[in-house]
Amino acid sequence: MKIMLSASLAVLALASAPAAARQLTIDDVTMLSRVGAPTASPDGHWLVWAQRETDLAADKGRFDLWRLDLTTSGARPVKLLADPQVNENDPQIVGNTVYFTSDKGGEDAVWSVPVTGGTSRKLTSFKGGFSGFKVAPTGDKLLVWAPRNFLGTAERLG
């Protein structure tokens, strides 16, 4: 009887033991979504952020903009734009508009889209790109900056 009880307890202990966790791999870390550049609308209604997803098979990643309605209980995040060939990043909300950077069309530019979604609109076009941007709180001015190319300037001035 004691042997049967001991054997039963041993089987029960083995059956209830947690399975060994799988080791975290570099591929696991690479595939983690990375959230950045969160921005909330001044009225507290919207949260917009950039989220990086990785396509391990294609050996590339991209950034998409996501939106969350903070005034609706149980609201779920929604992709603001859904072009798998384009990176969107650095969102800023002014009024009902989200301003962001995108490489749509092959060059980095500042774009805008209604915070509720819709068609995006290209606002800038700079040869050689730029480093960053800020939108005036009124939404009527855009500040863009880029590194200065002194060699190129000297050659032009000659």
C-alpha atoms as a PDB file:
ATOM      1  CA  MET A   1       0.000   0.000   0.000  1.00  0.00           C
ATOM      2  CA  LYS A   2       2.830   2.361   0.930  1.00  0.00           C
ATOM      3  CA  ILE A   3       4.577   1.602  -2.363  1.00  0.00           C
ATOM      4  CA  MET A   4       1.377   2.286  -4.310  1.00  0.00           C
ATOM      5  CA  LEU A   5       0.849   5.564  -2.439  1.00  0.00           C
ATOM      6  CA  SER A   6       4.468   6.640  -3.042  1.00  0.00           C
ATOM      7  CA  ALA A   7       4.226   5.788  -6.743  1.00  0.00           C
ATOM      8  CA  SER A   8       0.932   7.692  -7.043  1.00  0.00           C
ATOM      9  CA  LEU A   9       2.413  10.739  -5.335  1.00  0.00           C
ATOM     10  CA  ALA A  10       5.481  10.618  -7.610  1.00  0.00           C
ATOM     11  CA  VAL A  11       3.306  10.451 -10.747  1.00  0.00           C
ATOM     12  CA  LEU A  12       1.111  13.268  -9.431  1.00  0.00           C
ATOM     13  CA  ALA A  13       4.166  15.418  -8.665  1.00  0.00           C
ATOM     14  CA  LEU A  14       5.574  14.881 -12.147  1.00  0.00           C
ATOM     15  CA  ALA A  15       2.245  15.632 -13.798  1.00  0.00           C
ATOM     16  CA  SER A  16       1.766  18.875 -11.881  1.00  0.00           C
ATOM     17  CA  ALA A  17       5.353  20.104 -12.270  1.00  0.00           C
ATOM     18  CA  PRO A  18       5.533  23.125 -14.565  1.00  0.00           C
ATOM     19  CA  ALA A  19       7.119  22.500 -17.926  1.00  0.00           C
ATOM     20  CA  ALA A  20      10.572  23.958 -18.301  1.00  0.00           C
ATOM     21  CA  ALA A  21      10.374  27.377 -19.919  1.00  0.00           C
ATOM     22  CA  ARG A  22      11.959  27.702 -23.327  1.00  0.00           C
ATOM     23  CA  GLN A  23      15.111  29.809 -23.410  1.00  0.00           C
ATOM     24  CA  LEU A  24      14.722  33.305 -24.839  1.00  0.00           C
ATOM     25  CA  THR A  25      16.525  33.535 -28.188  1.00  0.00           C
ATOM     26  CA  ILE A  26      17.858  36.454 -30.216  1.00  0.00           C
ATOM     27  CA  ASP A  27      15.029  35.818 -32.701  1.00  0.00           C
ATOM     28  CA  ASP A  28      12.499  36.214 -29.863  1.00  0.00           C
ATOM     29  CA  VAL A  29      14.034  39.544 -28.882  1.00  0.00           C
ATOM     30  CA  THR A  30      14.164  40.671 -32.509  1.00  0.00           C
ATOM     31  CA  MET A  31      10.465  39.877 -32.974  1.00  0.00           C
ATOM     32  CA  LEU A  32       9.328  41.917 -29.954  1.00  0.00           C
ATOM     33  CA  SER A  33       7.203  44.930 -30.877  1.00  0.00           C
ATOM     34  CA  ARG A  34       8.934  48.160 -29.922  1.00  0.00           C
ATOM     35  CA  VAL A  35       6.762  51.067 -28.890  1.00  0.00           C
ATOM     36  CA  GLY A  36       8.079  54.621 -29.029  1.00  0.00           C
ATOM     37  CA  ALA A  37       7.296  58.298 -29.469  1.00  0.00           C
ATOM     38  CA  PRO A  38       3.939  58.282 -27.655  1.00  0.00           C
ATOM     39  CA  THR A  39       1.990  61.527 -27.904  1.00  0.00           C
ATOM     40  CA  ALA A  40      -1.387  62.463 -26.441  1.00  0.00           C
ATOM     41  CA  SER A  41      -3.758  65.014 -27.880  1.00  0.00           C
ATOM     42  CA  PRO A  42      -4.023  68.187 -25.772  1.00  0.00           C
ATOM     43  CA  ASP A  43      -7.678  67.399 -24.999  1.00  0.00           C
ATOM     44  CA  GLY A  44      -6.743  63.916 -23.715  1.00  0.00           C
ATOM     45  CA  HIS A  45      -8.940  62.163 -26.280  1.00  0.00           C
ATOM     46  CA  TRP A  46      -6.258  60.394 -28.353  1.00  0.00           C
ATOM     47  CA  LEU A  47      -2.964  58.608 -27.840  1.00  0.00           C
ATOM     48  CA  VAL A  48      -0.792  58.012 -30.923  1.00  0.00           C
ATOM     49  CA  TRP A  49       2.519  56.145 -30.987  1.00  0.00           C
ATOM     50  CA  ALA A  50       4.994  54.512 -33.360  1.00  0.00           C
ATOM     51  CA  GLN A  51       5.380  50.750 -33.130  1.00  0.00           C
ATOM     52  CA  ARG A  52       8.140  48.745 -34.792  1.00  0.00           C
ATOM     53  CA  GLU A  53       7.354  45.276 -36.120  1.00  0.00           C
ATOM     54  CA  THR A  54       9.934  42.893 -37.563  1.00  0.00           C
ATOM     55  CA  ASP A  55       9.654  40.544 -40.528  1.00  0.00           C
ATOM     56  CA  LEU A  56      12.377  38.063 -39.632  1.00  0.00           C
ATOM     57  CA  ALA A  57      12.085  36.103 -42.894  1.00  0.00           C
ATOM     58  CA  ALA A  58      12.565  39.278 -44.962  1.00  0.00           C
ATOM     59  CA  ASP A  59      15.260  40.536 -42.550  1.00  0.00           C
ATOM     60  CA  LYS A  60      13.648  43.949 -42.147  1.00  0.00           C
ATOM     61  CA  GLY A  61      11.386  45.911 -39.875  1.00  0.00           C
ATOM     62  CA  ARG A  62       9.086  48.861 -40.202  1.00  0.00           C
ATOM     63  CA  PHE A  63       7.346  51.467 -38.068  1.00  0.00           C
ATOM     64  CA  ASP A  64       3.581  51.977 -38.100  1.00  0.00           C
ATOM     65  CA  LEU A  65       1.489  54.592 -36.297  1.00  0.00           C
ATOM     66  CA  TRP A  66      -1.156  53.345 -33.885  1.00  0.00           C
ATOM     67  CA  ARG A  67      -4.038  55.253 -32.282  1.00  0.00           C
ATOM     68  CA  LEU A  68      -6.054  54.678 -29.108  1.00  0.00           C
ATOM     69  CA  ASP A  69      -9.246  56.486 -28.086  1.00  0.00           C
ATOM     70  CA  LEU A  70      -8.638  57.334 -24.414  1.00  0.00           C
ATOM     71  CA  THR A  71     -12.252  58.389 -23.822  1.00  0.00           C
ATOM     72  CA  THR A  72     -13.792  55.002 -24.648  1.00  0.00           C
ATOM     73  CA  SER A  73     -13.656  52.282 -22.013  1.00  0.00           C
ATOM     74  CA  GLY A  74     -12.221  49.080 -23.460  1.00  0.00           C
ATOM     75  CA  ALA A  75     -11.071  50.785 -26.674  1.00  0.00           C
ATOM     76  CA  ARG A  76      -8.572  48.773 -28.693  1.00  0.00           C
ATOM     77  CA  PRO A  77      -5.533  50.160 -30.518  1.00  0.00           C
ATOM     78  CA  VAL A  78      -6.038  50.758 -34.244  1.00  0.00           C
ATOM     79  CA  LYS A  79      -3.400  51.247 -36.949  1.00  0.00           C
ATOM     80  CA  LEU A  80      -3.666  54.826 -38.124  1.00  0.00           C
ATOM     81  CA  LEU A  81      -2.178  54.028 -41.549  1.00  0.00           C
ATOM     82  CA  ALA A  82      -1.732  50.565 -43.014  1.00  0.00           C
ATOM     83  CA  ASP A  83       0.810  50.582 -45.837  1.00  0.00           C
ATOM     84  CA  PRO A  84       3.185  47.638 -45.275  1.00  0.00           C
ATOM     85  CA  GLN A  85       5.830  49.160 -47.569  1.00  0.00           C
ATOM     86  CA  VAL A  86       6.104  52.453 -45.665  1.00  0.00           C
ATOM     87  CA  ASN A  87       7.638  53.547 -42.357  1.00  0.00           C
ATOM     88  CA  GLU A  88       5.801  56.137 -40.261  1.00  0.00           C
ATOM     89  CA  ASN A  89       7.374  57.594 -37.136  1.00  0.00           C
ATOM     90  CA  ASP A  90       7.680  60.602 -34.789  1.00  0.00           C
ATOM     91  CA  PRO A  91       3.978  61.451 -34.396  1.00  0.00           C
ATOM     92  CA  GLN A  92       2.825  64.828 -33.071  1.00  0.00           C
ATOM     93  CA  ILE A  93      -0.828  65.730 -32.517  1.00  0.00           C
ATOM     94  CA  VAL A  94      -1.991  69.305 -33.103  1.00  0.00           C
ATOM     95  CA  GLY A  95      -5.737  69.857 -33.022  1.00  0.00           C
ATOM     96  CA  ASN A  96      -7.346  66.973 -34.904  1.00  0.00           C
ATOM     97  CA  THR A  97      -4.269  66.268 -37.041  1.00  0.00           C
ATOM     98  CA  VAL A  98      -1.347  63.879 -36.593  1.00  0.00           C
ATOM     99  CA  TYR A  99       1.938  65.057 -38.125  1.00  0.00           C
ATOM    100  CA  PHE A 100       4.607  62.411 -38.694  1.00  0.00           C
ATOM    101  CA  THR A 101       7.649  61.409 -40.722  1.00  0.00           C
ATOM    102  CA  SER A 102       7.323  58.858 -43.502  1.00  0.00           C
ATOM    103  CA  ASP A 103       9.522  57.378 -46.211  1.00  0.00           C
ATOM    104  CA  LYS A 104       6.566  56.984 -48.574  1.00  0.00           C
ATOM    105  CA  GLY A 105       7.722  57.666 -52.118  1.00  0.00           C
ATOM    106  CA  GLY A 106      11.334  56.837 -51.291  1.00  0.00           C
ATOM    107  CA  GLU A 107      12.377  59.960 -49.368  1.00  0.00           C
ATOM    108  CA  ASP A 108      11.776  61.081 -45.808  1.00  0.00           C
ATOM    109  CA  ALA A 109       9.188  63.833 -45.502  1.00  0.00           C
ATOM    110  CA  VAL A 110       6.718  65.287 -43.015  1.00  0.00           C
ATOM    111  CA  TRP A 111       3.145  64.137 -43.601  1.00  0.00           C
ATOM    112  CA  SER A 112      -0.211  64.731 -41.905  1.00  0.00           C
ATOM    113  CA  VAL A 113      -3.391  62.705 -41.452  1.00  0.00           C
ATOM    114  CA  PRO A 114      -6.600  63.310 -39.463  1.00  0.00           C
ATOM    115  CA  VAL A 115      -6.328  61.712 -36.013  1.00  0.00           C
ATOM    116  CA  THR A 116      -9.488  59.732 -36.804  1.00  0.00           C
ATOM    117  CA  GLY A 117      -7.802  58.265 -39.908  1.00  0.00           C
ATOM    118  CA  GLY A 118      -8.109  58.980 -43.591  1.00  0.00           C
ATOM    119  CA  THR A 119      -5.845  60.029 -46.422  1.00  0.00           C
ATOM    120  CA  SER A 120      -2.359  61.233 -45.545  1.00  0.00           C
ATOM    121  CA  ARG A 121      -0.937  64.392 -47.106  1.00  0.00           C
ATOM    122  CA  LYS A 122       2.741  65.132 -47.854  1.00  0.00           C
ATOM    123  CA  LEU A 123       3.840  68.498 -46.430  1.00  0.00           C
ATOM    124  CA  THR A 124       7.571  68.681 -47.198  1.00  0.00           C
ATOM    125  CA  SER A 125      10.101  67.653 -49.814  1.00  0.00           C
ATOM    126  CA  PHE A 126      13.808  68.017 -49.002  1.00  0.00           C
ATOM    127  CA  LYS A 127      16.656  66.606 -51.045  1.00  0.00           C
ATOM    128  CA  GLY A 128      18.903  64.676 -48.686  1.00  0.00           C
ATOM    129  CA  GLY A 129      16.303  64.352 -45.943  1.00  0.00           C
ATOM    130  CA  PHE A 130      16.169  66.050 -42.553  1.00  0.00           C
ATOM    131  CA  SER A 131      16.829  65.301 -38.878  1.00  0.00           C
ATOM    132  CA  GLY A 132      13.609  66.295 -37.152  1.00  0.00           C
ATOM    133  CA  PHE A 133      10.589  68.551 -37.027  1.00  0.00           C
ATOM    134  CA  LYS A 134       8.154  70.322 -34.707  1.00  0.00           C
ATOM    135  CA  VAL A 135       4.699  71.702 -35.432  1.00  0.00           C
ATOM    136  CA  ALA A 136       3.538  75.008 -33.945  1.00  0.00           C
ATOM    137  CA  PRO A 137       0.719  74.593 -31.392  1.00  0.00           C
ATOM    138  CA  THR A 138      -1.564  76.439 -33.821  1.00  0.00           C
ATOM    139  CA  GLY A 139      -0.740  73.960 -36.611  1.00  0.00           C
ATOM    140  CA  ASP A 140       0.079  76.732 -39.094  1.00  0.00           C
ATOM    141  CA  LYS A 141       3.899  76.558 -38.935  1.00  0.00           C
ATOM    142  CA  LEU A 142       6.394  73.746 -39.310  1.00  0.00           C
ATOM    143  CA  LEU A 143      10.012  73.823 -38.091  1.00  0.00           C
ATOM    144  CA  VAL A 144      12.328  71.323 -39.818  1.00  0.00           C
ATOM    145  CA  TRP A 145      16.040  70.878 -39.157  1.00  0.00           C
ATOM    146  CA  ALA A 146      18.900  69.022 -40.834  1.00  0.00           C
ATOM    147  CA  PRO A 147      22.683  68.857 -40.507  1.00  0.00           C
ATOM    148  CA  ARG A 148      24.562  71.440 -42.486  1.00  0.00           C
ATOM    149  CA  ASN A 149      26.876  70.260 -45.264  1.00  0.00           C
ATOM    150  CA  PHE A 150      29.757  72.757 -45.091  1.00  0.00           C
ATOM    151  CA  LEU A 151      31.751  71.084 -47.868  1.00  0.00           C
ATOM    152  CA  GLY A 152      28.783  71.247 -50.210  1.00  0.00           C
ATOM    153  CA  THR A 153      28.212  74.908 -49.301  1.00  0.00           C
ATOM    154  CA  ALA A 154      31.887  75.807 -49.892  1.00  0.00           C
ATOM    155  CA  GLU A 155      31.840  74.134 -53.292  1.00  0.00           C
ATOM    156  CA  ARG A 156      28.719  76.025 -54.319  1.00  0.00           C
ATOM    157  CA  LEU A 157      30.083  79.379 -53.155  1.00  0.00           C
ATOM    158  CA  GLY A 158      33.292  78.611 -54.944  1.00  0.00           C
END
